[in-house]
Amino acid sequence: MRASIVIRTLNEARHLDDLLRMIARQKTRGIEVETVLIDSGSTDGTVEIARAHGARVTTITRAEFSFGRSLNRGCAFSTGDILVLISGHCVPVDEHWLQNLCQPLIDGQASYSYGRQIGDDDSNYSERRIFAKYYPPVSQIPQQGFFCEPACKIDPVTG
């Protein structure tokens, strides 16, 4: 099984190296990993950082850009059985992130999953409170409510 990690970027050089290093550190069982970057005109070295880490890169012009169109293009460029969508400024906190996201789909327990956001030293207090509300420390299957975060989401590829 292959998971395609699709990263949408515009001038994300500040965080992208950390994100790609954490992707490389992922410990998975039976999951091949492909990293795809869809860039919308970065001028800060984002694309060069992605290529240095072995990511497959495709682009979208700023005139064509919308969040949905960008992700659709990145997904179409991907070759995985599972699509993992993550923003270029989000960095996994450990090496089990990818397996934990994929496992509920692999086991047939869920149709999608999404990652918890916790913030960092740059996050303000109110943002951290929102993260605490919508991203509890314990995963729930089935989920209570209908919240789903697009900053880090995973879907199976369907034909």
N, C-alpha and C. Protein backbone atom coordinates (compact mmCIF):
# COMPACT_ATOMS: atom_id res chain seq x y z
N MET A 1 0.85 -1.17 0.00
CA MET A 1 0.00 0.00 0.00
C MET A 1 0.89 1.24 0.00
N ARG A 2 0.48 2.23 -0.78
CA ARG A 2 1.25 3.47 -0.87
C ARG A 2 0.41 4.63 -0.36
N ALA A 3 1.02 5.45 0.48
CA ALA A 3 0.41 6.68 0.95
C ALA A 3 1.12 7.85 0.26
N SER A 4 0.35 8.69 -0.39
CA SER A 4 0.89 9.91 -1.00
C SER A 4 0.61 11.06 -0.06
N ILE A 5 1.67 11.68 0.43
CA ILE A 5 1.54 12.85 1.29
C ILE A 5 1.58 14.07 0.38
N VAL A 6 0.46 14.76 0.28
CA VAL A 6 0.31 15.92 -0.61
C VAL A 6 0.43 17.18 0.23
N ILE A 7 1.45 17.99 -0.09
CA ILE A 7 1.74 19.21 0.66
C ILE A 7 1.45 20.41 -0.23
N ARG A 8 0.53 21.25 0.20
CA ARG A 8 0.20 22.48 -0.53
C ARG A 8 1.06 23.60 0.04
N THR A 9 1.76 24.33 -0.87
CA THR A 9 2.67 25.36 -0.38
C THR A 9 2.58 26.67 -1.16
N LEU A 10 2.92 27.73 -0.47
CA LEU A 10 3.27 29.03 -1.02
C LEU A 10 4.20 29.66 0.01
N ASN A 11 5.47 29.74 -0.33
CA ASN A 11 6.49 30.34 0.54
C ASN A 11 6.48 29.72 1.95
N GLU A 12 6.67 28.41 2.00
CA GLU A 12 6.68 27.67 3.26
C GLU A 12 8.09 27.22 3.66
N ALA A 13 9.13 27.87 3.14
CA ALA A 13 10.51 27.44 3.43
C ALA A 13 10.80 27.42 4.93
N ARG A 14 10.18 28.30 5.68
CA ARG A 14 10.45 28.39 7.12
C ARG A 14 10.18 27.06 7.84
N HIS A 15 9.12 26.34 7.44
CA HIS A 15 8.73 25.11 8.14
C HIS A 15 8.93 23.84 7.31
N LEU A 16 9.08 23.99 6.00
CA LEU A 16 9.07 22.83 5.12
C LEU A 16 10.18 21.83 5.40
N ASP A 17 11.37 22.29 5.68
CA ASP A 17 12.46 21.36 5.97
C ASP A 17 12.12 20.49 7.18
N ASP A 18 11.56 21.10 8.24
CA ASP A 18 11.16 20.34 9.42
C ASP A 18 10.08 19.32 9.07
N LEU A 19 9.09 19.73 8.29
CA LEU A 19 8.03 18.81 7.88
C LEU A 19 8.60 17.63 7.11
N LEU A 20 9.45 17.90 6.13
CA LEU A 20 9.99 16.82 5.30
C LEU A 20 10.93 15.91 6.08
N ARG A 21 11.65 16.46 7.04
CA ARG A 21 12.48 15.61 7.92
C ARG A 21 11.61 14.67 8.75
N MET A 22 10.49 15.17 9.25
CA MET A 22 9.60 14.32 10.04
C MET A 22 8.92 13.27 9.16
N ILE A 23 8.61 13.61 7.93
CA ILE A 23 8.05 12.61 7.02
C ILE A 23 9.07 11.49 6.81
N ALA A 24 10.34 11.86 6.63
CA ALA A 24 11.39 10.85 6.43
C ALA A 24 11.58 9.97 7.66
N ARG A 25 11.24 10.45 8.84
CA ARG A 25 11.41 9.69 10.08
C ARG A 25 10.24 8.77 10.40
N GLN A 26 9.19 8.82 9.59
CA GLN A 26 8.00 8.02 9.90
C GLN A 26 8.29 6.53 9.92
N LYS A 27 7.76 5.87 10.92
CA LYS A 27 7.86 4.41 11.05
C LYS A 27 6.51 3.83 10.65
N THR A 28 6.52 3.10 9.56
CA THR A 28 5.28 2.53 9.06
C THR A 28 5.42 1.03 8.87
N ARG A 29 4.30 0.35 8.91
CA ARG A 29 4.26 -1.09 8.70
C ARG A 29 3.50 -1.35 7.40
N GLY A 30 4.24 -1.68 6.35
CA GLY A 30 3.60 -2.02 5.08
C GLY A 30 3.08 -0.85 4.29
N ILE A 31 3.52 0.34 4.61
CA ILE A 31 3.09 1.54 3.87
C ILE A 31 4.30 2.15 3.19
N GLU A 32 4.25 2.20 1.87
CA GLU A 32 5.26 2.91 1.10
C GLU A 32 4.85 4.38 1.08
N VAL A 33 5.81 5.28 1.16
CA VAL A 33 5.50 6.71 1.25
C VAL A 33 5.99 7.46 0.02
N GLU A 34 5.09 8.25 -0.55
CA GLU A 34 5.42 9.17 -1.64
C GLU A 34 5.11 10.58 -1.14
N THR A 35 6.04 11.50 -1.34
CA THR A 35 5.81 12.89 -0.95
C THR A 35 5.65 13.74 -2.20
N VAL A 36 4.53 14.46 -2.27
CA VAL A 36 4.19 15.30 -3.41
C VAL A 36 3.99 16.72 -2.91
N LEU A 37 4.59 17.67 -3.61
CA LEU A 37 4.41 19.08 -3.26
C LEU A 37 3.70 19.77 -4.42
N ILE A 38 2.63 20.49 -4.09
CA ILE A 38 1.93 21.33 -5.08
C ILE A 38 2.17 22.77 -4.66
N ASP A 39 2.94 23.49 -5.48
CA ASP A 39 3.36 24.84 -5.12
C ASP A 39 2.67 25.87 -6.01
N SER A 40 2.32 27.00 -5.40
CA SER A 40 1.61 28.05 -6.15
C SER A 40 2.44 29.31 -6.32
N GLY A 41 3.74 29.13 -6.62
CA GLY A 41 4.58 30.28 -6.96
C GLY A 41 5.52 30.76 -5.88
N SER A 42 6.03 29.87 -5.07
CA SER A 42 6.94 30.27 -4.00
C SER A 42 8.19 30.94 -4.55
N THR A 43 8.68 31.91 -3.79
CA THR A 43 9.90 32.63 -4.17
C THR A 43 10.97 32.55 -3.07
N ASP A 44 10.74 31.70 -2.07
CA ASP A 44 11.63 31.65 -0.91
C ASP A 44 12.46 30.37 -0.81
N GLY A 45 12.53 29.58 -1.87
CA GLY A 45 13.30 28.35 -1.83
C GLY A 45 12.48 27.11 -1.46
N THR A 46 11.19 27.26 -1.32
CA THR A 46 10.31 26.13 -0.97
C THR A 46 10.50 24.96 -1.92
N VAL A 47 10.44 25.20 -3.20
CA VAL A 47 10.53 24.13 -4.20
C VAL A 47 11.90 23.45 -4.14
N GLU A 48 12.95 24.22 -3.96
CA GLU A 48 14.30 23.66 -3.88
C GLU A 48 14.44 22.76 -2.64
N ILE A 49 13.86 23.18 -1.52
CA ILE A 49 13.89 22.36 -0.30
C ILE A 49 13.17 21.04 -0.56
N ALA A 50 12.00 21.11 -1.19
CA ALA A 50 11.23 19.90 -1.47
C ALA A 50 12.02 18.94 -2.36
N ARG A 51 12.61 19.46 -3.40
CA ARG A 51 13.40 18.61 -4.31
C ARG A 51 14.61 18.00 -3.60
N ALA A 52 15.24 18.76 -2.73
CA ALA A 52 16.39 18.24 -1.98
C ALA A 52 16.01 17.07 -1.09
N HIS A 53 14.75 17.00 -0.69
CA HIS A 53 14.26 15.89 0.13
C HIS A 53 13.64 14.78 -0.72
N GLY A 54 13.71 14.91 -2.04
CA GLY A 54 13.19 13.86 -2.91
C GLY A 54 11.70 13.91 -3.18
N ALA A 55 11.06 15.02 -2.87
CA ALA A 55 9.63 15.15 -3.14
C ALA A 55 9.39 15.32 -4.63
N ARG A 56 8.28 14.76 -5.10
CA ARG A 56 7.83 15.03 -6.46
C ARG A 56 7.12 16.38 -6.42
N VAL A 57 7.44 17.26 -7.37
CA VAL A 57 6.92 18.63 -7.34
C VAL A 57 6.10 18.92 -8.58
N THR A 58 4.95 19.54 -8.35
CA THR A 58 4.12 20.07 -9.42
C THR A 58 3.68 21.47 -8.99
N THR A 59 3.19 22.25 -9.93
CA THR A 59 2.86 23.63 -9.62
C THR A 59 1.46 24.00 -10.11
N ILE A 60 0.97 25.08 -9.56
CA ILE A 60 -0.26 25.71 -10.00
C ILE A 60 0.03 27.21 -9.98
N THR A 61 -0.47 27.94 -10.97
CA THR A 61 -0.22 29.38 -10.99
C THR A 61 -1.07 30.06 -9.93
N ARG A 62 -0.62 31.22 -9.52
CA ARG A 62 -1.41 31.99 -8.53
C ARG A 62 -2.77 32.38 -9.10
N ALA A 63 -2.83 32.61 -10.40
CA ALA A 63 -4.10 32.97 -11.03
C ALA A 63 -5.09 31.81 -10.98
N GLU A 64 -4.60 30.58 -11.07
CA GLU A 64 -5.46 29.40 -11.02
C GLU A 64 -5.77 28.95 -9.60
N PHE A 65 -5.00 29.43 -8.63
CA PHE A 65 -5.05 28.90 -7.28
C PHE A 65 -6.39 29.10 -6.60
N SER A 66 -6.84 28.04 -5.99
CA SER A 66 -7.81 28.05 -4.90
C SER A 66 -7.39 26.88 -4.02
N PHE A 67 -7.80 26.86 -2.78
CA PHE A 67 -7.37 25.78 -1.89
C PHE A 67 -7.79 24.43 -2.45
N GLY A 68 -9.03 24.33 -2.88
CA GLY A 68 -9.54 23.07 -3.42
C GLY A 68 -8.86 22.66 -4.71
N ARG A 69 -8.71 23.59 -5.64
CA ARG A 69 -8.08 23.27 -6.92
C ARG A 69 -6.63 22.82 -6.71
N SER A 70 -5.93 23.49 -5.82
CA SER A 70 -4.55 23.12 -5.53
C SER A 70 -4.47 21.69 -5.01
N LEU A 71 -5.31 21.35 -4.06
CA LEU A 71 -5.31 19.99 -3.52
C LEU A 71 -5.73 18.97 -4.58
N ASN A 72 -6.72 19.31 -5.39
CA ASN A 72 -7.15 18.40 -6.46
C ASN A 72 -6.00 18.11 -7.41
N ARG A 73 -5.25 19.14 -7.77
CA ARG A 73 -4.11 18.93 -8.68
C ARG A 73 -3.02 18.09 -8.02
N GLY A 74 -2.74 18.37 -6.77
CA GLY A 74 -1.74 17.57 -6.05
C GLY A 74 -2.16 16.11 -5.95
N CYS A 75 -3.43 15.88 -5.68
CA CYS A 75 -3.94 14.50 -5.59
C CYS A 75 -3.88 13.81 -6.94
N ALA A 76 -4.23 14.52 -8.01
CA ALA A 76 -4.18 13.93 -9.35
C ALA A 76 -2.75 13.57 -9.75
N PHE A 77 -1.78 14.31 -9.25
CA PHE A 77 -0.36 14.08 -9.53
C PHE A 77 0.19 12.91 -8.72
N SER A 78 -0.49 12.55 -7.66
CA SER A 78 -0.06 11.49 -6.74
C SER A 78 -0.35 10.11 -7.31
N THR A 79 0.35 9.11 -6.77
CA THR A 79 0.16 7.73 -7.22
C THR A 79 -0.27 6.79 -6.10
N GLY A 80 -0.57 7.31 -4.93
CA GLY A 80 -0.86 6.48 -3.77
C GLY A 80 -2.26 5.91 -3.72
N ASP A 81 -2.41 4.89 -2.88
CA ASP A 81 -3.70 4.29 -2.58
C ASP A 81 -4.45 5.10 -1.53
N ILE A 82 -3.68 5.82 -0.72
CA ILE A 82 -4.22 6.68 0.33
C ILE A 82 -3.62 8.07 0.11
N LEU A 83 -4.45 9.10 0.24
CA LEU A 83 -3.99 10.48 0.10
C LEU A 83 -3.95 11.13 1.48
N VAL A 84 -2.80 11.68 1.83
CA VAL A 84 -2.61 12.39 3.09
C VAL A 84 -2.38 13.85 2.73
N LEU A 85 -3.27 14.72 3.16
CA LEU A 85 -3.18 16.14 2.83
C LEU A 85 -2.66 16.90 4.05
N ILE A 86 -1.60 17.67 3.83
CA ILE A 86 -1.03 18.43 4.94
C ILE A 86 -0.52 19.77 4.42
N SER A 87 -0.71 20.79 5.21
CA SER A 87 -0.21 22.12 4.85
C SER A 87 1.28 22.19 5.13
N GLY A 88 1.97 23.02 4.35
CA GLY A 88 3.41 23.12 4.44
C GLY A 88 3.95 23.65 5.75
N HIS A 89 3.10 24.25 6.58
CA HIS A 89 3.55 24.78 7.87
C HIS A 89 3.19 23.85 9.04
N CYS A 90 2.60 22.70 8.77
CA CYS A 90 2.26 21.73 9.81
C CYS A 90 3.37 20.69 9.91
N VAL A 91 3.81 20.41 11.13
CA VAL A 91 4.92 19.47 11.33
C VAL A 91 4.47 18.39 12.32
N PRO A 92 4.51 17.12 11.92
CA PRO A 92 4.15 16.04 12.83
C PRO A 92 5.05 16.05 14.07
N VAL A 93 4.49 15.65 15.21
CA VAL A 93 5.26 15.70 16.46
C VAL A 93 6.03 14.41 16.74
N ASP A 94 5.70 13.32 16.02
CA ASP A 94 6.44 12.09 16.27
C ASP A 94 6.50 11.23 15.02
N GLU A 95 7.19 10.10 15.13
CA GLU A 95 7.42 9.24 13.97
C GLU A 95 6.28 8.24 13.73
N HIS A 96 5.21 8.33 14.50
CA HIS A 96 4.06 7.44 14.32
C HIS A 96 2.87 8.14 13.68
N TRP A 97 3.03 9.40 13.34
CA TRP A 97 1.95 10.21 12.79
C TRP A 97 1.30 9.54 11.58
N LEU A 98 2.07 9.13 10.60
CA LEU A 98 1.50 8.59 9.37
C LEU A 98 0.79 7.26 9.62
N GLN A 99 1.40 6.37 10.37
CA GLN A 99 0.76 5.08 10.66
C GLN A 99 -0.55 5.30 11.42
N ASN A 100 -0.54 6.21 12.40
CA ASN A 100 -1.75 6.48 13.16
C ASN A 100 -2.86 7.06 12.30
N LEU A 101 -2.51 7.88 11.32
CA LEU A 101 -3.52 8.42 10.40
C LEU A 101 -4.08 7.35 9.47
N CYS A 102 -3.20 6.49 8.97
CA CYS A 102 -3.60 5.49 7.97
C CYS A 102 -4.30 4.27 8.57
N GLN A 103 -3.94 3.89 9.78
CA GLN A 103 -4.42 2.61 10.32
C GLN A 103 -5.94 2.47 10.37
N PRO A 104 -6.71 3.50 10.78
CA PRO A 104 -8.17 3.33 10.77
C PRO A 104 -8.74 3.05 9.38
N LEU A 105 -8.11 3.57 8.33
CA LEU A 105 -8.56 3.27 6.97
C LEU A 105 -8.15 1.86 6.57
N ILE A 106 -6.92 1.48 6.89
CA ILE A 106 -6.42 0.15 6.57
C ILE A 106 -7.29 -0.92 7.24
N ASP A 107 -7.69 -0.65 8.50
CA ASP A 107 -8.50 -1.60 9.26
C ASP A 107 -9.98 -1.55 8.90
N GLY A 108 -10.38 -0.61 8.03
CA GLY A 108 -11.78 -0.49 7.66
C GLY A 108 -12.65 0.11 8.76
N GLN A 109 -12.05 0.79 9.73
CA GLN A 109 -12.80 1.41 10.82
C GLN A 109 -13.33 2.79 10.47
N ALA A 110 -12.74 3.44 9.47
CA ALA A 110 -13.10 4.82 9.15
C ALA A 110 -12.96 5.06 7.66
N SER A 111 -13.68 6.04 7.18
CA SER A 111 -13.58 6.45 5.78
C SER A 111 -12.58 7.58 5.59
N TYR A 112 -12.27 8.28 6.66
CA TYR A 112 -11.25 9.33 6.65
C TYR A 112 -10.73 9.49 8.07
N SER A 113 -9.59 10.13 8.19
CA SER A 113 -9.07 10.50 9.51
C SER A 113 -8.39 11.85 9.37
N TYR A 114 -8.16 12.48 10.50
CA TYR A 114 -7.42 13.74 10.46
C TYR A 114 -6.56 13.86 11.70
N GLY A 115 -5.52 14.69 11.59
CA GLY A 115 -4.54 14.82 12.65
C GLY A 115 -4.87 15.91 13.64
N ARG A 116 -4.41 15.72 14.84
CA ARG A 116 -4.58 16.68 15.92
C ARG A 116 -3.63 17.84 15.72
N GLN A 117 -4.09 19.06 15.99
CA GLN A 117 -3.21 20.22 15.97
C GLN A 117 -3.05 20.70 17.40
N ILE A 118 -1.82 21.06 17.76
CA ILE A 118 -1.56 21.50 19.12
C ILE A 118 -0.93 22.89 19.20
N GLY A 119 -0.44 23.41 18.10
CA GLY A 119 0.22 24.70 18.11
C GLY A 119 1.67 24.58 18.56
N ASP A 120 2.37 25.69 18.52
CA ASP A 120 3.77 25.74 18.94
C ASP A 120 4.01 27.06 19.65
N ASP A 121 5.27 27.42 19.84
CA ASP A 121 5.60 28.65 20.57
C ASP A 121 5.09 29.90 19.87
N ASP A 122 4.83 29.82 18.56
CA ASP A 122 4.32 30.96 17.82
C ASP A 122 2.79 31.09 17.90
N SER A 123 2.12 30.08 18.42
CA SER A 123 0.66 30.10 18.52
C SER A 123 0.23 30.95 19.71
N ASN A 124 -0.81 31.77 19.50
CA ASN A 124 -1.30 32.57 20.62
C ASN A 124 -2.26 31.76 21.49
N TYR A 125 -2.59 32.30 22.64
CA TYR A 125 -3.41 31.58 23.62
C TYR A 125 -4.77 31.17 23.05
N SER A 126 -5.44 32.09 22.37
CA SER A 126 -6.78 31.76 21.85
C SER A 126 -6.71 30.65 20.80
N GLU A 127 -5.68 30.65 19.98
CA GLU A 127 -5.52 29.59 19.00
C GLU A 127 -5.32 28.24 19.69
N ARG A 128 -4.53 28.22 20.72
CA ARG A 128 -4.31 26.97 21.48
C ARG A 128 -5.59 26.49 22.15
N ARG A 129 -6.44 27.39 22.59
CA ARG A 129 -7.72 27.00 23.20
C ARG A 129 -8.63 26.37 22.15
N ILE A 130 -8.64 26.93 20.94
CA ILE A 130 -9.44 26.36 19.86
C ILE A 130 -8.91 24.97 19.52
N PHE A 131 -7.60 24.81 19.43
CA PHE A 131 -7.01 23.50 19.17
C PHE A 131 -7.42 22.51 20.26
N ALA A 132 -7.38 22.92 21.52
CA ALA A 132 -7.75 22.02 22.62
C ALA A 132 -9.21 21.59 22.52
N LYS A 133 -10.07 22.48 22.07
CA LYS A 133 -11.50 22.16 21.94
C LYS A 133 -11.74 21.14 20.83
N TYR A 134 -11.16 21.37 19.67
CA TYR A 134 -11.46 20.54 18.51
C TYR A 134 -10.54 19.35 18.32
N TYR A 135 -9.41 19.33 19.03
CA TYR A 135 -8.46 18.24 18.89
C TYR A 135 -8.16 17.64 20.26
N PRO A 136 -9.06 16.82 20.79
CA PRO A 136 -8.81 16.23 22.10
C PRO A 136 -7.60 15.29 22.04
N PRO A 137 -6.97 15.03 23.18
CA PRO A 137 -5.77 14.20 23.18
C PRO A 137 -6.03 12.72 22.90
N VAL A 138 -7.29 12.29 22.93
CA VAL A 138 -7.62 10.89 22.69
C VAL A 138 -8.46 10.77 21.42
N SER A 139 -8.06 9.87 20.54
CA SER A 139 -8.80 9.62 19.31
C SER A 139 -10.12 8.92 19.62
N GLN A 140 -11.15 9.25 18.83
CA GLN A 140 -12.45 8.62 19.02
C GLN A 140 -12.97 8.08 17.70
N ILE A 141 -13.23 6.78 17.67
CA ILE A 141 -13.89 6.15 16.53
C ILE A 141 -15.05 5.37 17.09
N PRO A 142 -16.30 5.73 16.78
CA PRO A 142 -16.66 6.82 15.89
C PRO A 142 -16.48 8.18 16.57
N GLN A 143 -16.29 9.17 15.75
CA GLN A 143 -16.08 10.54 16.20
C GLN A 143 -17.37 11.14 16.71
N GLN A 144 -17.28 11.94 17.76
CA GLN A 144 -18.43 12.70 18.24
C GLN A 144 -18.53 13.98 17.43
N GLY A 145 -19.64 14.25 16.80
CA GLY A 145 -19.80 15.46 15.99
C GLY A 145 -19.31 15.25 14.58
N PHE A 146 -19.19 16.35 13.86
CA PHE A 146 -18.87 16.28 12.44
C PHE A 146 -17.68 17.13 12.04
N PHE A 147 -16.78 17.43 12.95
CA PHE A 147 -15.63 18.27 12.67
C PHE A 147 -14.57 17.50 11.88
N CYS A 148 -13.97 18.14 10.90
CA CYS A 148 -12.85 17.56 10.16
C CYS A 148 -11.94 18.69 9.71
N GLU A 149 -10.66 18.58 9.96
CA GLU A 149 -9.69 19.63 9.67
C GLU A 149 -8.92 19.35 8.39
N PRO A 150 -8.93 20.29 7.43
CA PRO A 150 -8.21 20.07 6.19
C PRO A 150 -6.71 20.30 6.25
N ALA A 151 -6.16 20.83 7.34
CA ALA A 151 -4.72 21.06 7.40
C ALA A 151 -3.95 19.74 7.42
N CYS A 152 -4.56 18.70 7.93
CA CYS A 152 -3.94 17.38 7.96
C CYS A 152 -5.05 16.34 7.90
N LYS A 153 -5.32 15.84 6.71
CA LYS A 153 -6.46 14.96 6.49
C LYS A 153 -6.01 13.80 5.62
N ILE A 154 -6.71 12.70 5.72
CA ILE A 154 -6.35 11.53 4.94
C ILE A 154 -7.61 10.90 4.35
N ASP A 155 -7.52 10.49 3.10
CA ASP A 155 -8.65 9.86 2.41
C ASP A 155 -8.13 8.70 1.59
N PRO A 156 -8.94 7.64 1.48
CA PRO A 156 -8.56 6.58 0.54
C PRO A 156 -8.83 7.06 -0.88
N VAL A 157 -8.04 6.61 -1.82
CA VAL A 157 -8.28 6.93 -3.22
C VAL A 157 -9.42 6.05 -3.69
N THR A 158 -10.42 6.67 -4.30
CA THR A 158 -11.54 5.88 -4.83
C THR A 158 -11.61 6.11 -6.32
N GLY A 159 -12.02 5.08 -7.02
CA GLY A 159 -12.07 5.19 -8.48
C GLY A 159 -13.44 5.33 -9.01
